[in-house]
N, C-alpha and C. Protein backbone atom coordinates (compact mmCIF):
# COMPACT_ATOMS: atom_id res chain seq x y z
N MET A 1 -8.13 25.88 -56.97
CA MET A 1 -9.36 26.22 -57.65
C MET A 1 -9.04 27.21 -58.77
N PRO A 2 -9.46 26.94 -60.00
CA PRO A 2 -9.20 27.86 -61.11
C PRO A 2 -9.98 29.16 -60.95
N TRP A 3 -9.53 30.17 -61.67
CA TRP A 3 -10.19 31.47 -61.66
C TRP A 3 -11.63 31.31 -62.12
N ILE A 4 -12.58 31.92 -61.39
CA ILE A 4 -14.01 31.85 -61.73
C ILE A 4 -14.52 33.28 -61.86
N GLU A 5 -15.26 33.52 -62.92
CA GLU A 5 -15.88 34.83 -63.08
C GLU A 5 -16.81 35.12 -61.93
N ALA A 6 -16.88 36.38 -61.53
CA ALA A 6 -17.65 36.76 -60.34
C ALA A 6 -19.13 36.37 -60.42
N ASN A 7 -19.73 36.49 -61.58
CA ASN A 7 -21.16 36.19 -61.69
C ASN A 7 -21.44 34.81 -62.28
N ALA A 8 -20.43 33.95 -62.31
CA ALA A 8 -20.58 32.62 -62.88
C ALA A 8 -21.20 31.67 -61.87
N ASN A 9 -21.96 30.72 -62.39
CA ASN A 9 -22.48 29.66 -61.54
C ASN A 9 -21.47 28.52 -61.51
N VAL A 10 -21.39 27.88 -60.37
CA VAL A 10 -20.50 26.73 -60.20
C VAL A 10 -21.31 25.57 -59.65
N ALA A 11 -20.91 24.38 -60.06
CA ALA A 11 -21.52 23.17 -59.50
C ALA A 11 -20.70 22.79 -58.28
N VAL A 12 -21.38 22.56 -57.19
CA VAL A 12 -20.71 22.16 -55.96
C VAL A 12 -21.54 21.08 -55.28
N THR A 13 -20.85 20.10 -54.74
CA THR A 13 -21.52 19.07 -53.95
C THR A 13 -21.11 19.28 -52.51
N LEU A 14 -22.09 19.61 -51.67
CA LEU A 14 -21.84 19.82 -50.26
C LEU A 14 -22.32 18.61 -49.47
N THR A 15 -21.48 18.13 -48.58
CA THR A 15 -21.88 17.06 -47.68
C THR A 15 -22.21 17.71 -46.35
N VAL A 16 -23.49 17.75 -46.05
CA VAL A 16 -23.99 18.43 -44.86
C VAL A 16 -24.73 17.42 -44.00
N ASN A 17 -24.28 17.29 -42.78
CA ASN A 17 -24.89 16.36 -41.82
C ASN A 17 -24.97 14.95 -42.38
N GLY A 18 -23.94 14.58 -43.13
CA GLY A 18 -23.83 13.23 -43.67
C GLY A 18 -24.59 13.00 -44.97
N VAL A 19 -25.24 14.03 -45.49
CA VAL A 19 -26.02 13.89 -46.72
C VAL A 19 -25.37 14.75 -47.81
N SER A 20 -25.20 14.17 -48.99
CA SER A 20 -24.59 14.86 -50.11
C SER A 20 -25.66 15.63 -50.89
N HIS A 21 -25.36 16.90 -51.21
CA HIS A 21 -26.29 17.76 -51.94
C HIS A 21 -25.55 18.38 -53.12
N ARG A 22 -26.04 18.14 -54.33
CA ARG A 22 -25.44 18.77 -55.52
C ARG A 22 -26.21 20.05 -55.80
N LEU A 23 -25.47 21.15 -55.85
CA LEU A 23 -26.07 22.47 -56.06
C LEU A 23 -25.38 23.20 -57.20
N GLU A 24 -26.13 24.04 -57.87
CA GLU A 24 -25.61 24.96 -58.86
C GLU A 24 -25.77 26.35 -58.24
N LEU A 25 -24.63 26.98 -57.90
CA LEU A 25 -24.66 28.23 -57.14
C LEU A 25 -23.85 29.31 -57.82
N ASP A 26 -24.25 30.54 -57.59
CA ASP A 26 -23.41 31.67 -57.95
C ASP A 26 -22.11 31.49 -57.16
N ALA A 27 -20.99 31.75 -57.77
CA ALA A 27 -19.69 31.55 -57.12
C ALA A 27 -19.53 32.39 -55.86
N ARG A 28 -20.33 33.44 -55.71
CA ARG A 28 -20.22 34.34 -54.56
C ARG A 28 -21.10 33.94 -53.38
N VAL A 29 -21.86 32.85 -53.48
CA VAL A 29 -22.76 32.43 -52.41
C VAL A 29 -21.94 31.92 -51.22
N THR A 30 -22.24 32.47 -50.06
CA THR A 30 -21.54 32.02 -48.86
C THR A 30 -22.08 30.66 -48.42
N LEU A 31 -21.30 29.99 -47.62
CA LEU A 31 -21.75 28.72 -47.06
C LEU A 31 -23.02 28.94 -46.25
N LEU A 32 -23.10 30.02 -45.50
CA LEU A 32 -24.30 30.33 -44.72
C LEU A 32 -25.53 30.42 -45.62
N ASP A 33 -25.43 31.18 -46.71
CA ASP A 33 -26.58 31.33 -47.60
C ASP A 33 -26.92 30.02 -48.32
N ALA A 34 -25.92 29.22 -48.65
CA ALA A 34 -26.20 27.92 -49.26
C ALA A 34 -26.97 27.04 -48.28
N LEU A 35 -26.57 27.04 -47.03
CA LEU A 35 -27.26 26.23 -46.02
C LEU A 35 -28.70 26.70 -45.82
N ARG A 36 -28.87 27.99 -45.62
CA ARG A 36 -30.19 28.53 -45.28
C ARG A 36 -31.12 28.62 -46.49
N GLU A 37 -30.63 29.17 -47.60
CA GLU A 37 -31.51 29.47 -48.72
C GLU A 37 -31.63 28.35 -49.74
N HIS A 38 -30.59 27.56 -49.89
CA HIS A 38 -30.62 26.50 -50.90
C HIS A 38 -30.93 25.13 -50.30
N LEU A 39 -30.47 24.88 -49.07
CA LEU A 39 -30.74 23.59 -48.44
C LEU A 39 -31.82 23.67 -47.37
N ARG A 40 -32.29 24.87 -47.08
CA ARG A 40 -33.37 25.10 -46.10
C ARG A 40 -33.01 24.60 -44.70
N LEU A 41 -31.72 24.64 -44.36
CA LEU A 41 -31.26 24.31 -43.01
C LEU A 41 -31.14 25.63 -42.26
N THR A 42 -32.23 26.04 -41.62
CA THR A 42 -32.32 27.38 -41.05
C THR A 42 -31.91 27.45 -39.58
N GLY A 43 -31.39 26.37 -39.02
CA GLY A 43 -30.91 26.42 -37.65
C GLY A 43 -29.71 27.34 -37.52
N THR A 44 -28.86 27.36 -38.52
CA THR A 44 -27.71 28.26 -38.54
C THR A 44 -28.24 29.65 -38.85
N LYS A 45 -27.91 30.61 -38.01
CA LYS A 45 -28.49 31.95 -38.13
C LYS A 45 -27.55 32.95 -38.79
N LYS A 46 -28.16 33.91 -39.46
CA LYS A 46 -27.41 35.05 -40.01
C LYS A 46 -27.57 36.18 -39.01
N GLY A 47 -26.48 36.51 -38.36
CA GLY A 47 -26.51 37.59 -37.37
C GLY A 47 -25.98 38.86 -37.99
N CYS A 48 -24.67 39.03 -37.93
CA CYS A 48 -24.05 40.26 -38.41
C CYS A 48 -23.65 40.19 -39.88
N ASP A 49 -23.45 38.99 -40.41
CA ASP A 49 -22.99 38.76 -41.78
C ASP A 49 -21.59 39.33 -42.02
N HIS A 50 -20.82 39.51 -40.93
CA HIS A 50 -19.45 40.03 -41.01
C HIS A 50 -18.47 39.21 -40.18
N GLY A 51 -18.88 38.06 -39.66
CA GLY A 51 -17.99 37.21 -38.88
C GLY A 51 -17.70 37.71 -37.49
N GLN A 52 -18.56 38.57 -36.96
CA GLN A 52 -18.29 39.17 -35.66
C GLN A 52 -19.17 38.66 -34.53
N CYS A 53 -20.24 37.90 -34.84
CA CYS A 53 -21.16 37.51 -33.77
C CYS A 53 -21.19 36.01 -33.48
N GLY A 54 -20.81 35.17 -34.44
CA GLY A 54 -20.77 33.73 -34.23
C GLY A 54 -22.10 33.01 -34.39
N ALA A 55 -23.17 33.71 -34.71
CA ALA A 55 -24.48 33.05 -34.86
C ALA A 55 -24.47 32.04 -35.99
N CYS A 56 -23.58 32.21 -36.95
CA CYS A 56 -23.52 31.35 -38.13
C CYS A 56 -22.51 30.21 -38.00
N THR A 57 -21.98 29.98 -36.80
CA THR A 57 -20.94 28.97 -36.61
C THR A 57 -21.43 27.58 -36.96
N VAL A 58 -20.67 26.89 -37.79
CA VAL A 58 -20.89 25.47 -38.13
C VAL A 58 -19.55 24.77 -38.00
N LEU A 59 -19.58 23.46 -38.08
CA LEU A 59 -18.36 22.67 -38.04
C LEU A 59 -18.02 22.20 -39.44
N VAL A 60 -16.81 22.41 -39.86
CA VAL A 60 -16.31 21.93 -41.15
C VAL A 60 -15.14 21.01 -40.84
N ASN A 61 -15.32 19.75 -41.15
CA ASN A 61 -14.32 18.73 -40.81
C ASN A 61 -13.96 18.79 -39.32
N GLY A 62 -14.97 19.07 -38.50
CA GLY A 62 -14.80 19.10 -37.05
C GLY A 62 -14.30 20.41 -36.49
N ARG A 63 -13.95 21.36 -37.34
CA ARG A 63 -13.45 22.66 -36.88
C ARG A 63 -14.52 23.71 -37.06
N ARG A 64 -14.62 24.60 -36.12
CA ARG A 64 -15.65 25.64 -36.17
C ARG A 64 -15.24 26.78 -37.09
N ILE A 65 -16.19 27.23 -37.88
CA ILE A 65 -15.96 28.38 -38.76
C ILE A 65 -17.20 29.26 -38.75
N ASN A 66 -17.00 30.52 -39.12
CA ASN A 66 -18.13 31.42 -39.36
C ASN A 66 -18.55 31.20 -40.81
N SER A 67 -19.70 30.61 -41.01
CA SER A 67 -20.12 30.27 -42.36
C SER A 67 -20.45 31.48 -43.21
N CYS A 68 -20.64 32.64 -42.60
CA CYS A 68 -20.91 33.85 -43.39
C CYS A 68 -19.65 34.37 -44.07
N LEU A 69 -18.48 33.91 -43.64
CA LEU A 69 -17.22 34.39 -44.21
C LEU A 69 -16.60 33.41 -45.20
N SER A 70 -17.28 32.33 -45.50
CA SER A 70 -16.71 31.28 -46.32
C SER A 70 -17.61 31.03 -47.52
N LEU A 71 -17.02 30.90 -48.69
CA LEU A 71 -17.81 30.63 -49.88
C LEU A 71 -18.19 29.16 -49.95
N ALA A 72 -19.41 28.88 -50.34
CA ALA A 72 -19.87 27.50 -50.43
C ALA A 72 -19.00 26.69 -51.38
N ALA A 73 -18.56 27.30 -52.46
CA ALA A 73 -17.76 26.59 -53.47
C ALA A 73 -16.44 26.08 -52.93
N MET A 74 -16.01 26.58 -51.78
CA MET A 74 -14.75 26.15 -51.18
C MET A 74 -14.89 24.83 -50.41
N HIS A 75 -16.11 24.33 -50.25
CA HIS A 75 -16.33 23.22 -49.32
C HIS A 75 -16.82 21.93 -49.97
N GLY A 76 -16.52 21.75 -51.24
CA GLY A 76 -16.94 20.54 -51.95
C GLY A 76 -16.36 19.26 -51.39
N ALA A 77 -15.19 19.31 -50.79
CA ALA A 77 -14.54 18.10 -50.27
C ALA A 77 -14.67 17.97 -48.76
N ASP A 78 -15.49 18.83 -48.14
CA ASP A 78 -15.58 18.88 -46.69
C ASP A 78 -16.83 18.22 -46.14
N ASN A 79 -16.74 17.86 -44.86
CA ASN A 79 -17.91 17.38 -44.11
C ASN A 79 -18.38 18.53 -43.24
N ILE A 80 -19.59 18.98 -43.48
CA ILE A 80 -20.16 20.13 -42.78
C ILE A 80 -21.20 19.62 -41.80
N THR A 81 -21.12 20.13 -40.57
CA THR A 81 -22.12 19.77 -39.56
C THR A 81 -22.78 21.04 -39.07
N THR A 82 -24.10 21.06 -39.16
CA THR A 82 -24.89 22.17 -38.63
C THR A 82 -25.59 21.69 -37.37
N ILE A 83 -26.30 22.58 -36.74
CA ILE A 83 -27.04 22.21 -35.52
C ILE A 83 -28.03 21.08 -35.80
N GLU A 84 -28.59 21.05 -37.01
CA GLU A 84 -29.53 19.99 -37.36
C GLU A 84 -28.86 18.62 -37.39
N GLY A 85 -27.55 18.59 -37.58
CA GLY A 85 -26.82 17.33 -37.64
C GLY A 85 -26.36 16.81 -36.29
N LEU A 86 -26.52 17.60 -35.25
CA LEU A 86 -26.07 17.18 -33.92
C LEU A 86 -27.12 16.35 -33.18
N GLY A 87 -28.35 16.74 -33.28
CA GLY A 87 -29.41 16.03 -32.57
C GLY A 87 -30.76 16.40 -33.14
N THR A 88 -31.78 15.75 -32.62
CA THR A 88 -33.15 16.04 -33.05
C THR A 88 -33.97 16.42 -31.83
N THR A 89 -35.16 16.88 -32.07
CA THR A 89 -36.05 17.24 -30.97
C THR A 89 -36.30 16.04 -30.07
N ASP A 90 -36.40 14.86 -30.66
CA ASP A 90 -36.65 13.65 -29.88
C ASP A 90 -35.38 13.05 -29.28
N ALA A 91 -34.23 13.35 -29.85
CA ALA A 91 -32.97 12.78 -29.37
C ALA A 91 -31.89 13.86 -29.39
N LEU A 92 -31.92 14.71 -28.37
CA LEU A 92 -30.94 15.80 -28.30
C LEU A 92 -29.53 15.25 -28.15
N HIS A 93 -28.59 15.95 -28.74
CA HIS A 93 -27.17 15.68 -28.49
C HIS A 93 -26.94 16.02 -27.00
N PRO A 94 -26.04 15.33 -26.32
CA PRO A 94 -25.80 15.64 -24.90
C PRO A 94 -25.44 17.11 -24.63
N LEU A 95 -24.77 17.78 -25.56
CA LEU A 95 -24.47 19.20 -25.36
C LEU A 95 -25.75 20.03 -25.46
N GLN A 96 -26.62 19.68 -26.40
CA GLN A 96 -27.91 20.37 -26.48
C GLN A 96 -28.71 20.17 -25.19
N ALA A 97 -28.70 18.94 -24.67
CA ALA A 97 -29.40 18.64 -23.43
C ALA A 97 -28.80 19.43 -22.27
N ALA A 98 -27.49 19.60 -22.27
CA ALA A 98 -26.84 20.39 -21.21
C ALA A 98 -27.27 21.85 -21.29
N PHE A 99 -27.42 22.39 -22.50
CA PHE A 99 -27.91 23.76 -22.65
C PHE A 99 -29.33 23.89 -22.09
N VAL A 100 -30.16 22.92 -22.36
CA VAL A 100 -31.53 22.95 -21.83
C VAL A 100 -31.50 22.85 -20.31
N ALA A 101 -30.74 21.90 -19.78
CA ALA A 101 -30.69 21.68 -18.33
C ALA A 101 -30.14 22.90 -17.59
N ALA A 102 -29.16 23.59 -18.17
CA ALA A 102 -28.56 24.76 -17.53
C ALA A 102 -29.32 26.04 -17.86
N ASP A 103 -30.37 25.95 -18.67
CA ASP A 103 -31.12 27.11 -19.14
C ASP A 103 -30.16 28.08 -19.83
N GLY A 104 -29.30 27.51 -20.70
CA GLY A 104 -28.26 28.27 -21.38
C GLY A 104 -28.73 29.01 -22.60
N LEU A 105 -29.97 29.42 -22.62
CA LEU A 105 -30.50 30.18 -23.74
C LEU A 105 -31.66 31.03 -23.25
N GLN A 106 -31.87 32.12 -23.93
CA GLN A 106 -33.04 32.92 -23.65
C GLN A 106 -33.85 33.05 -24.92
N CYS A 107 -33.49 33.98 -25.80
CA CYS A 107 -34.24 34.10 -27.05
C CYS A 107 -33.92 32.95 -27.99
N GLY A 108 -32.73 32.37 -27.87
CA GLY A 108 -32.36 31.21 -28.67
C GLY A 108 -31.71 31.52 -30.00
N TYR A 109 -31.62 32.79 -30.38
CA TYR A 109 -31.09 33.12 -31.70
C TYR A 109 -29.64 32.68 -31.86
N CYS A 110 -28.84 32.84 -30.83
CA CYS A 110 -27.41 32.51 -30.92
C CYS A 110 -27.13 31.06 -30.58
N THR A 111 -28.11 30.32 -30.09
CA THR A 111 -27.87 29.01 -29.49
C THR A 111 -27.23 28.01 -30.45
N ALA A 112 -27.68 27.95 -31.68
CA ALA A 112 -27.09 27.00 -32.63
C ALA A 112 -25.61 27.28 -32.83
N GLY A 113 -25.26 28.55 -32.99
CA GLY A 113 -23.86 28.92 -33.14
C GLY A 113 -23.07 28.66 -31.87
N GLN A 114 -23.68 28.91 -30.73
CA GLN A 114 -23.00 28.65 -29.44
C GLN A 114 -22.70 27.16 -29.31
N ILE A 115 -23.66 26.32 -29.63
CA ILE A 115 -23.48 24.87 -29.48
C ILE A 115 -22.45 24.34 -30.47
N CYS A 116 -22.54 24.74 -31.73
CA CYS A 116 -21.55 24.29 -32.71
C CYS A 116 -20.16 24.79 -32.33
N SER A 117 -20.07 26.03 -31.88
CA SER A 117 -18.78 26.56 -31.46
C SER A 117 -18.25 25.80 -30.26
N ALA A 118 -19.11 25.48 -29.30
CA ALA A 118 -18.67 24.74 -28.11
C ALA A 118 -18.15 23.36 -28.49
N MET A 119 -18.80 22.71 -29.45
CA MET A 119 -18.32 21.40 -29.90
C MET A 119 -16.90 21.51 -30.46
N GLY A 120 -16.67 22.48 -31.34
CA GLY A 120 -15.35 22.68 -31.91
C GLY A 120 -14.34 23.14 -30.88
N MET A 121 -14.76 24.03 -29.99
CA MET A 121 -13.87 24.56 -28.96
C MET A 121 -13.38 23.46 -28.04
N LEU A 122 -14.27 22.56 -27.65
CA LEU A 122 -13.86 21.48 -26.75
C LEU A 122 -12.86 20.55 -27.43
N GLU A 123 -13.02 20.33 -28.73
CA GLU A 123 -12.04 19.52 -29.46
C GLU A 123 -10.68 20.22 -29.49
N GLU A 124 -10.69 21.53 -29.70
CA GLU A 124 -9.45 22.31 -29.69
C GLU A 124 -8.79 22.20 -28.32
N TRP A 125 -9.58 22.34 -27.27
CA TRP A 125 -9.06 22.28 -25.90
C TRP A 125 -8.46 20.91 -25.61
N ARG A 126 -9.21 19.85 -26.00
CA ARG A 126 -8.71 18.48 -25.77
C ARG A 126 -7.40 18.23 -26.52
N ALA A 127 -7.27 18.83 -27.70
CA ALA A 127 -6.06 18.65 -28.50
C ALA A 127 -4.89 19.48 -27.98
N GLY A 128 -5.15 20.30 -26.98
CA GLY A 128 -4.08 21.09 -26.38
C GLY A 128 -3.77 22.40 -27.08
N TRP A 129 -4.69 22.87 -27.92
CA TRP A 129 -4.46 24.15 -28.58
C TRP A 129 -4.37 25.23 -27.51
N PRO A 130 -3.41 26.11 -27.59
CA PRO A 130 -3.25 27.13 -26.54
C PRO A 130 -4.32 28.21 -26.62
N SER A 131 -4.52 28.86 -25.49
CA SER A 131 -5.38 30.04 -25.43
C SER A 131 -4.66 31.09 -24.60
N HIS A 132 -5.26 32.24 -24.45
CA HIS A 132 -4.66 33.30 -23.66
C HIS A 132 -4.80 33.04 -22.16
N VAL A 133 -5.64 32.10 -21.79
CA VAL A 133 -5.87 31.81 -20.37
C VAL A 133 -4.71 31.02 -19.79
N GLY A 134 -4.18 30.10 -20.54
CA GLY A 134 -3.04 29.35 -20.05
C GLY A 134 -3.07 27.90 -20.48
N GLU A 135 -2.05 27.20 -20.09
CA GLU A 135 -1.91 25.79 -20.43
C GLU A 135 -2.79 24.94 -19.53
N HIS A 136 -3.07 23.74 -19.96
CA HIS A 136 -3.84 22.81 -19.13
C HIS A 136 -3.29 21.40 -19.34
N ALA A 137 -3.44 20.62 -18.33
CA ALA A 137 -3.09 19.20 -18.45
C ALA A 137 -4.32 18.49 -18.97
N PRO A 138 -4.16 17.48 -19.84
CA PRO A 138 -5.32 16.81 -20.44
C PRO A 138 -6.33 16.26 -19.42
N ALA A 139 -5.87 15.92 -18.22
CA ALA A 139 -6.79 15.34 -17.24
C ALA A 139 -7.60 16.40 -16.50
N GLU A 140 -7.21 17.66 -16.62
CA GLU A 140 -7.91 18.73 -15.91
C GLU A 140 -9.27 19.00 -16.53
N ALA A 141 -10.19 19.48 -15.68
CA ALA A 141 -11.49 19.92 -16.18
C ALA A 141 -11.33 21.32 -16.78
N ILE A 142 -12.09 21.61 -17.79
CA ILE A 142 -12.02 22.93 -18.41
C ILE A 142 -12.63 23.96 -17.46
N THR A 143 -11.96 25.08 -17.30
CA THR A 143 -12.42 26.11 -16.37
C THR A 143 -13.38 27.07 -17.06
N ALA A 144 -14.12 27.79 -16.23
CA ALA A 144 -15.03 28.81 -16.75
C ALA A 144 -14.25 29.89 -17.50
N ALA A 145 -13.10 30.26 -16.98
CA ALA A 145 -12.28 31.28 -17.65
C ALA A 145 -11.82 30.80 -19.02
N GLU A 146 -11.45 29.54 -19.11
CA GLU A 146 -11.02 28.96 -20.38
C GLU A 146 -12.19 28.95 -21.38
N ILE A 147 -13.36 28.58 -20.93
CA ILE A 147 -14.54 28.56 -21.80
C ILE A 147 -14.85 29.97 -22.27
N ARG A 148 -14.87 30.93 -21.36
CA ARG A 148 -15.17 32.32 -21.75
C ARG A 148 -14.18 32.82 -22.80
N GLU A 149 -12.90 32.53 -22.60
CA GLU A 149 -11.88 32.97 -23.57
C GLU A 149 -12.11 32.32 -24.92
N ARG A 150 -12.29 31.02 -24.93
CA ARG A 150 -12.40 30.28 -26.18
C ARG A 150 -13.73 30.50 -26.89
N MET A 151 -14.75 30.91 -26.18
CA MET A 151 -16.07 31.16 -26.78
C MET A 151 -16.30 32.65 -27.04
N SER A 152 -15.28 33.46 -26.90
CA SER A 152 -15.46 34.92 -26.98
C SER A 152 -15.93 35.40 -28.35
N GLY A 153 -15.82 34.60 -29.38
CA GLY A 153 -16.29 34.99 -30.70
C GLY A 153 -17.78 34.75 -30.92
N ASN A 154 -18.46 34.22 -29.90
CA ASN A 154 -19.90 33.98 -30.00
C ASN A 154 -20.62 34.90 -29.04
N LEU A 155 -21.41 35.80 -29.60
CA LEU A 155 -22.11 36.79 -28.80
C LEU A 155 -23.54 36.35 -28.49
N CYS A 156 -24.02 36.78 -27.33
CA CYS A 156 -25.40 36.53 -26.91
C CYS A 156 -25.98 37.86 -26.46
N ARG A 157 -26.94 38.37 -27.19
CA ARG A 157 -27.54 39.66 -26.83
C ARG A 157 -28.34 39.59 -25.54
N CYS A 158 -28.79 38.40 -25.18
CA CYS A 158 -29.56 38.24 -23.94
C CYS A 158 -28.66 38.10 -22.73
N ALA A 159 -27.37 37.99 -22.94
CA ALA A 159 -26.37 37.87 -21.86
C ALA A 159 -26.57 36.61 -21.02
N ALA A 160 -26.81 35.49 -21.68
CA ALA A 160 -26.95 34.21 -20.97
C ALA A 160 -25.59 33.55 -20.74
N TYR A 161 -24.52 34.32 -20.80
CA TYR A 161 -23.16 33.76 -20.73
C TYR A 161 -22.91 32.85 -19.52
N PRO A 162 -23.31 33.23 -18.30
CA PRO A 162 -23.03 32.32 -17.17
C PRO A 162 -23.66 30.95 -17.36
N ARG A 163 -24.85 30.91 -17.93
CA ARG A 163 -25.54 29.63 -18.13
C ARG A 163 -24.95 28.87 -19.32
N ILE A 164 -24.48 29.58 -20.31
CA ILE A 164 -23.80 28.93 -21.44
C ILE A 164 -22.53 28.25 -20.93
N VAL A 165 -21.77 28.96 -20.14
CA VAL A 165 -20.55 28.39 -19.55
C VAL A 165 -20.90 27.17 -18.70
N GLU A 166 -21.94 27.29 -17.89
CA GLU A 166 -22.38 26.16 -17.05
C GLU A 166 -22.75 24.96 -17.91
N ALA A 167 -23.46 25.20 -19.00
CA ALA A 167 -23.87 24.10 -19.88
C ALA A 167 -22.65 23.40 -20.48
N ILE A 168 -21.68 24.18 -20.93
CA ILE A 168 -20.48 23.59 -21.54
C ILE A 168 -19.70 22.81 -20.49
N GLN A 169 -19.56 23.37 -19.29
CA GLN A 169 -18.85 22.66 -18.23
C GLN A 169 -19.58 21.37 -17.85
N ARG A 170 -20.90 21.44 -17.80
CA ARG A 170 -21.69 20.25 -17.47
C ARG A 170 -21.47 19.16 -18.51
N TYR A 171 -21.53 19.53 -19.78
CA TYR A 171 -21.31 18.57 -20.85
C TYR A 171 -19.90 18.00 -20.81
N ALA A 172 -18.91 18.88 -20.66
CA ALA A 172 -17.51 18.43 -20.63
C ALA A 172 -17.28 17.51 -19.44
N GLY A 173 -17.89 17.81 -18.30
CA GLY A 173 -17.76 16.96 -17.12
C GLY A 173 -18.44 15.62 -17.30
N ASP A 174 -19.61 15.62 -17.92
CA ASP A 174 -20.32 14.36 -18.18
C ASP A 174 -19.55 13.50 -19.16
N GLU A 175 -18.91 14.14 -20.15
CA GLU A 175 -18.09 13.40 -21.11
C GLU A 175 -16.93 12.72 -20.41
N GLY A 176 -16.28 13.46 -19.49
CA GLY A 176 -15.15 12.90 -18.77
C GLY A 176 -15.56 11.74 -17.87
N ALA A 177 -16.76 11.84 -17.31
CA ALA A 177 -17.25 10.79 -16.42
C ALA A 177 -17.60 9.52 -17.19
N SER A 178 -17.95 9.69 -18.47
CA SER A 178 -18.38 8.52 -19.25
C SER A 178 -17.24 7.86 -20.02
N THR A 179 -16.03 8.47 -20.02
CA THR A 179 -14.94 7.86 -20.76
C THR A 179 -14.01 7.10 -19.87
């Protein structure tokens, strides 16, 4: 990417939830602010705005990122998935349904980030990415300790952690049963 003046506008095309959006943005606009303020996709939340809480987690090319720490202009060639792209009120994604079934939310502010992070985390786990908890064989079920370690960047002020872990385990188990 060539040098861009700090207050310059840049044209960027973001592909979000399978839909292409052409935007003219200040070069300093974060991906989070582009999603919320320019595309009106408000499911992704602004928590700390410093990459410490995970409320802004989205998937970029299948990998989870804190959208508050990434500039929108960096993502012109990427596929971005927000909570709105996973399911709808009428047709929840199975992970969203698992959160509901396990009562894995209280106030709900962190839930979108928790769900997007869980989607990316499970892909990392399936691919064999290491964690501090230890190695796993691909056929093993993901443990609560492994989930807690891998989800540690997503905070919940209501402390619904046991139910969040249960929801992720339920989803991961249902996925294994259906494959």
